[in-house]
N, C-alpha and C. Protein backbone atom coordinates (compact mmCIF):
# COMPACT_ATOMS: atom_id res chain seq x y z
N MET A 1 90.23 121.15 167.07
CA MET A 1 88.93 121.00 167.35
C MET A 1 88.41 119.95 166.95
N CYS A 2 87.64 119.21 168.02
CA CYS A 2 87.03 117.90 167.87
C CYS A 2 85.91 117.90 166.74
N VAL A 3 85.85 116.87 165.91
CA VAL A 3 84.61 116.57 165.09
C VAL A 3 83.33 116.57 165.49
N ALA A 4 83.06 115.88 166.40
CA ALA A 4 81.65 115.81 166.99
C ALA A 4 80.81 117.20 167.53
N PRO A 5 81.66 118.00 168.06
CA PRO A 5 80.97 119.12 168.46
C PRO A 5 80.78 120.25 167.37
N SER A 6 81.77 120.15 166.46
CA SER A 6 81.72 120.92 165.01
C SER A 6 80.42 120.47 164.43
N SER A 7 80.33 119.28 164.22
CA SER A 7 79.36 118.55 163.37
C SER A 7 77.95 118.77 164.06
N LEU A 8 78.05 118.91 165.34
CA LEU A 8 76.79 119.18 165.98
C LEU A 8 76.16 120.56 165.62
N PHE A 9 77.38 121.42 165.83
CA PHE A 9 77.09 122.54 165.70
C PHE A 9 76.69 123.23 164.23
N GLY A 10 77.27 122.38 163.25
CA GLY A 10 77.05 122.82 161.93
C GLY A 10 75.23 122.31 161.65
N PHE A 11 74.75 121.13 162.33
CA PHE A 11 73.48 120.65 162.20
C PHE A 11 72.62 121.75 162.95
N PHE A 12 72.79 122.09 163.94
CA PHE A 12 71.86 123.16 164.59
C PHE A 12 71.91 124.36 163.75
N SER A 13 73.23 124.91 163.43
CA SER A 13 73.08 126.08 162.43
C SER A 13 72.39 126.11 161.43
N LEU A 14 72.26 124.80 160.55
CA LEU A 14 71.51 124.55 159.27
C LEU A 14 70.11 124.72 159.78
N CYS A 15 69.52 124.07 160.99
CA CYS A 15 68.20 124.20 161.53
C CYS A 15 67.69 125.72 161.89
N TYR A 16 68.60 126.17 162.13
CA TYR A 16 68.36 127.67 162.82
C TYR A 16 67.20 128.42 161.95
N GLU A 17 66.36 128.63 162.59
CA GLU A 17 65.35 129.68 161.88
C GLU A 17 64.70 128.94 160.55
N GLN A 18 64.93 127.82 160.59
CA GLN A 18 64.28 127.11 159.44
C GLN A 18 63.36 125.88 159.82
N THR A 19 63.52 125.28 160.90
CA THR A 19 62.72 124.28 161.39
C THR A 19 62.53 124.55 162.96
N ASN A 20 61.70 123.48 163.46
CA ASN A 20 61.87 123.46 165.07
C ASN A 20 62.44 122.32 165.31
N VAL A 21 63.45 122.63 166.58
CA VAL A 21 64.03 121.45 167.10
C VAL A 21 63.79 121.04 168.51
N ILE A 22 63.81 119.78 168.97
CA ILE A 22 63.63 119.68 170.38
C ILE A 22 64.85 119.12 170.81
N VAL A 23 65.37 119.48 172.02
CA VAL A 23 66.65 118.97 172.62
C VAL A 23 66.26 118.65 174.03
N THR A 24 66.51 117.30 174.44
CA THR A 24 66.49 116.93 175.73
C THR A 24 67.70 116.97 176.30
N THR A 25 68.21 117.25 177.61
CA THR A 25 69.55 117.01 178.11
C THR A 25 69.07 117.06 179.62
N ASN A 26 70.07 116.38 180.52
CA ASN A 26 69.80 116.63 181.92
C ASN A 26 71.19 117.23 182.57
N LEU A 27 71.51 118.00 181.87
CA LEU A 27 72.75 119.14 182.04
C LEU A 27 72.05 120.35 182.14
N PRO A 28 72.58 121.33 183.03
CA PRO A 28 72.18 122.83 182.64
C PRO A 28 73.13 123.41 181.73
N PHE A 29 72.76 124.68 181.29
CA PHE A 29 73.90 125.05 180.27
C PHE A 29 75.36 125.55 180.85
N ALA A 30 75.63 125.41 181.96
CA ALA A 30 76.90 126.14 182.52
C ALA A 30 77.96 124.90 182.33
N PRO A 31 77.62 123.69 182.40
CA PRO A 31 78.83 122.85 182.20
C PRO A 31 78.64 122.44 180.46
N TRP A 32 78.08 123.02 179.54
CA TRP A 32 78.11 122.28 178.05
C TRP A 32 79.20 122.51 177.71
N PRO A 33 79.99 123.53 177.95
CA PRO A 33 81.53 123.84 176.87
C PRO A 33 82.51 122.86 177.44
N ALA A 34 82.46 122.29 178.78
CA ALA A 34 83.28 121.17 178.95
C ALA A 34 83.01 119.92 178.12
N THR A 35 81.30 119.53 178.05
CA THR A 35 80.74 118.42 177.28
C THR A 35 81.39 118.44 175.90
N PHE A 36 81.32 119.81 175.36
CA PHE A 36 81.85 120.01 173.68
C PHE A 36 83.12 120.46 173.61
N ALA A 37 84.06 119.43 174.31
CA ALA A 37 85.59 119.48 174.12
C ALA A 37 85.97 120.72 174.50
N GLY A 38 85.51 121.49 175.43
CA GLY A 38 86.20 122.55 175.87
C GLY A 38 86.04 123.80 174.90
N GLU A 39 85.05 123.54 173.71
CA GLU A 39 85.22 124.57 172.91
C GLU A 39 84.12 125.67 173.17
N GLU A 40 84.62 126.57 174.23
CA GLU A 40 83.84 127.90 174.67
C GLU A 40 82.83 128.56 173.66
N ARG A 41 83.81 128.94 172.77
CA ARG A 41 83.32 130.03 171.81
C ARG A 41 82.06 129.36 171.03
N MET A 42 82.44 128.13 170.37
CA MET A 42 81.69 127.39 169.87
C MET A 42 80.53 126.96 170.66
N THR A 43 80.62 126.56 171.69
CA THR A 43 79.30 125.98 172.60
C THR A 43 78.56 127.30 172.81
N GLY A 44 79.25 128.57 173.12
CA GLY A 44 78.40 129.98 173.42
C GLY A 44 77.54 130.16 172.04
N ALA A 45 78.17 130.09 170.87
CA ALA A 45 77.09 130.26 169.80
C ALA A 45 76.17 129.14 169.54
N LEU A 46 76.40 127.94 169.76
CA LEU A 46 75.48 126.70 169.82
C LEU A 46 74.45 127.32 170.73
N LEU A 47 74.51 127.64 171.70
CA LEU A 47 73.63 127.87 172.92
C LEU A 47 72.81 129.06 172.69
N ASP A 48 73.51 130.10 172.03
CA ASP A 48 72.81 131.25 171.41
C ASP A 48 71.82 130.68 170.39
N ARG A 49 72.09 130.01 169.29
CA ARG A 49 71.03 129.71 168.38
C ARG A 49 70.04 128.69 169.14
N LEU A 50 70.43 127.70 170.14
CA LEU A 50 69.26 126.86 170.75
C LEU A 50 68.16 127.79 171.56
N THR A 51 68.97 128.64 172.01
CA THR A 51 68.07 129.57 173.06
C THR A 51 67.26 130.71 172.48
N HIS A 52 67.58 131.06 171.52
CA HIS A 52 66.80 132.19 170.52
C HIS A 52 65.54 131.71 170.44
N ARG A 53 64.55 132.30 171.07
CA ARG A 53 63.21 132.25 170.64
C ARG A 53 62.88 130.87 171.43
N LEU A 54 63.33 130.34 172.62
CA LEU A 54 63.30 129.25 173.16
C LEU A 54 62.09 128.92 174.06
N ALA A 55 61.54 127.91 174.31
CA ALA A 55 60.53 127.62 175.39
C ALA A 55 61.23 126.21 176.13
N THR A 56 61.47 126.42 177.45
CA THR A 56 62.00 125.38 178.16
C THR A 56 60.79 124.89 179.15
N LEU A 57 61.32 123.53 179.36
CA LEU A 57 60.34 122.77 180.21
C LEU A 57 61.37 122.29 181.10
N SER A 58 61.14 122.74 182.31
CA SER A 58 62.25 122.28 183.41
C SER A 58 61.77 121.18 184.30
N ILE A 59 62.25 120.17 184.58
CA ILE A 59 61.54 119.03 185.16
C ILE A 59 62.35 119.15 186.62
N ASN A 60 61.69 119.18 187.87
CA ASN A 60 62.30 119.15 189.27
C ASN A 60 63.05 118.01 189.52
N ASP A 61 64.27 117.80 189.46
CA ASP A 61 64.72 116.50 189.84
C ASP A 61 64.65 116.01 191.49
N LYS A 62 63.93 116.74 192.29
CA LYS A 62 63.48 116.46 193.62
C LYS A 62 62.44 115.56 193.57
N GLU A 63 61.59 115.52 192.70
CA GLU A 63 60.62 114.73 192.67
C GLU A 63 60.80 113.30 191.75
N GLU A 64 60.08 112.31 192.03
CA GLU A 64 60.32 110.91 191.27
C GLU A 64 59.91 111.19 190.01
N SER A 65 60.63 110.72 189.06
CA SER A 65 60.27 110.46 187.69
C SER A 65 59.03 110.08 187.44
N PHE A 66 58.44 109.84 186.14
CA PHE A 66 57.50 109.51 185.66
C PHE A 66 57.53 108.07 185.87
N ARG A 67 58.90 107.43 185.25
CA ARG A 67 58.89 105.83 185.25
C ARG A 67 58.97 105.35 186.72
N VAL A 68 59.42 106.15 187.44
CA VAL A 68 59.62 105.41 188.81
C VAL A 68 58.02 105.17 189.46
N LYS A 69 57.49 106.33 189.39
CA LYS A 69 55.98 106.38 189.74
C LYS A 69 55.11 105.34 189.14
N GLN A 70 55.10 105.06 187.77
CA GLN A 70 54.46 104.06 186.90
C GLN A 70 55.16 102.74 187.52
N SER A 71 56.37 102.41 187.73
CA SER A 71 56.70 101.39 188.07
C SER A 71 56.33 100.68 189.75
N ARG A 72 56.02 101.97 190.41
CA ARG A 72 55.44 101.79 191.82
C ARG A 72 53.84 101.33 191.72
N LYS A 73 53.46 102.16 190.83
CA LYS A 73 51.96 101.73 190.53
C LYS A 73 51.70 100.33 190.31
N ASN A 74 52.35 99.96 188.85
CA ASN A 74 52.20 98.59 188.57
C ASN A 74 52.66 97.81 189.54
N ASN A 75 53.80 97.89 190.39
CA ASN A 75 54.08 96.77 191.28
C ASN A 75 53.07 96.67 192.42
N ALA A 76 52.54 97.90 192.72
CA ALA A 76 51.18 97.66 193.77
C ALA A 76 50.13 96.92 193.50
N LYS A 77 50.13 97.31 191.98
CA LYS A 77 48.91 96.33 191.22
C LYS A 77 48.86 94.94 191.32
N LYS A 78 50.41 94.38 191.09
CA LYS A 78 50.62 92.98 191.16
C LYS A 78 50.70 92.46 192.58
N SER A 79 50.64 93.31 193.67
CA SER A 79 50.70 92.80 195.01
C SER A 79 49.35 92.22 195.34
């Protein structure tokens, strides 16, 4: 087992139902096991803890990001 995934799992296990945690990611949940060194069982347990009483905010990737919109607006002001 790789140390990093188990350390991350340990951290979230300590936080579980003790405090609020915010996690940001650009990956859907399906590819997470590959990200965590193929540790499917541990990743499943991690996702179970993260998604229990979860509030998600999904950002539509088909729209321009906030930063791109701000950059366009700033460049338009300079012109």
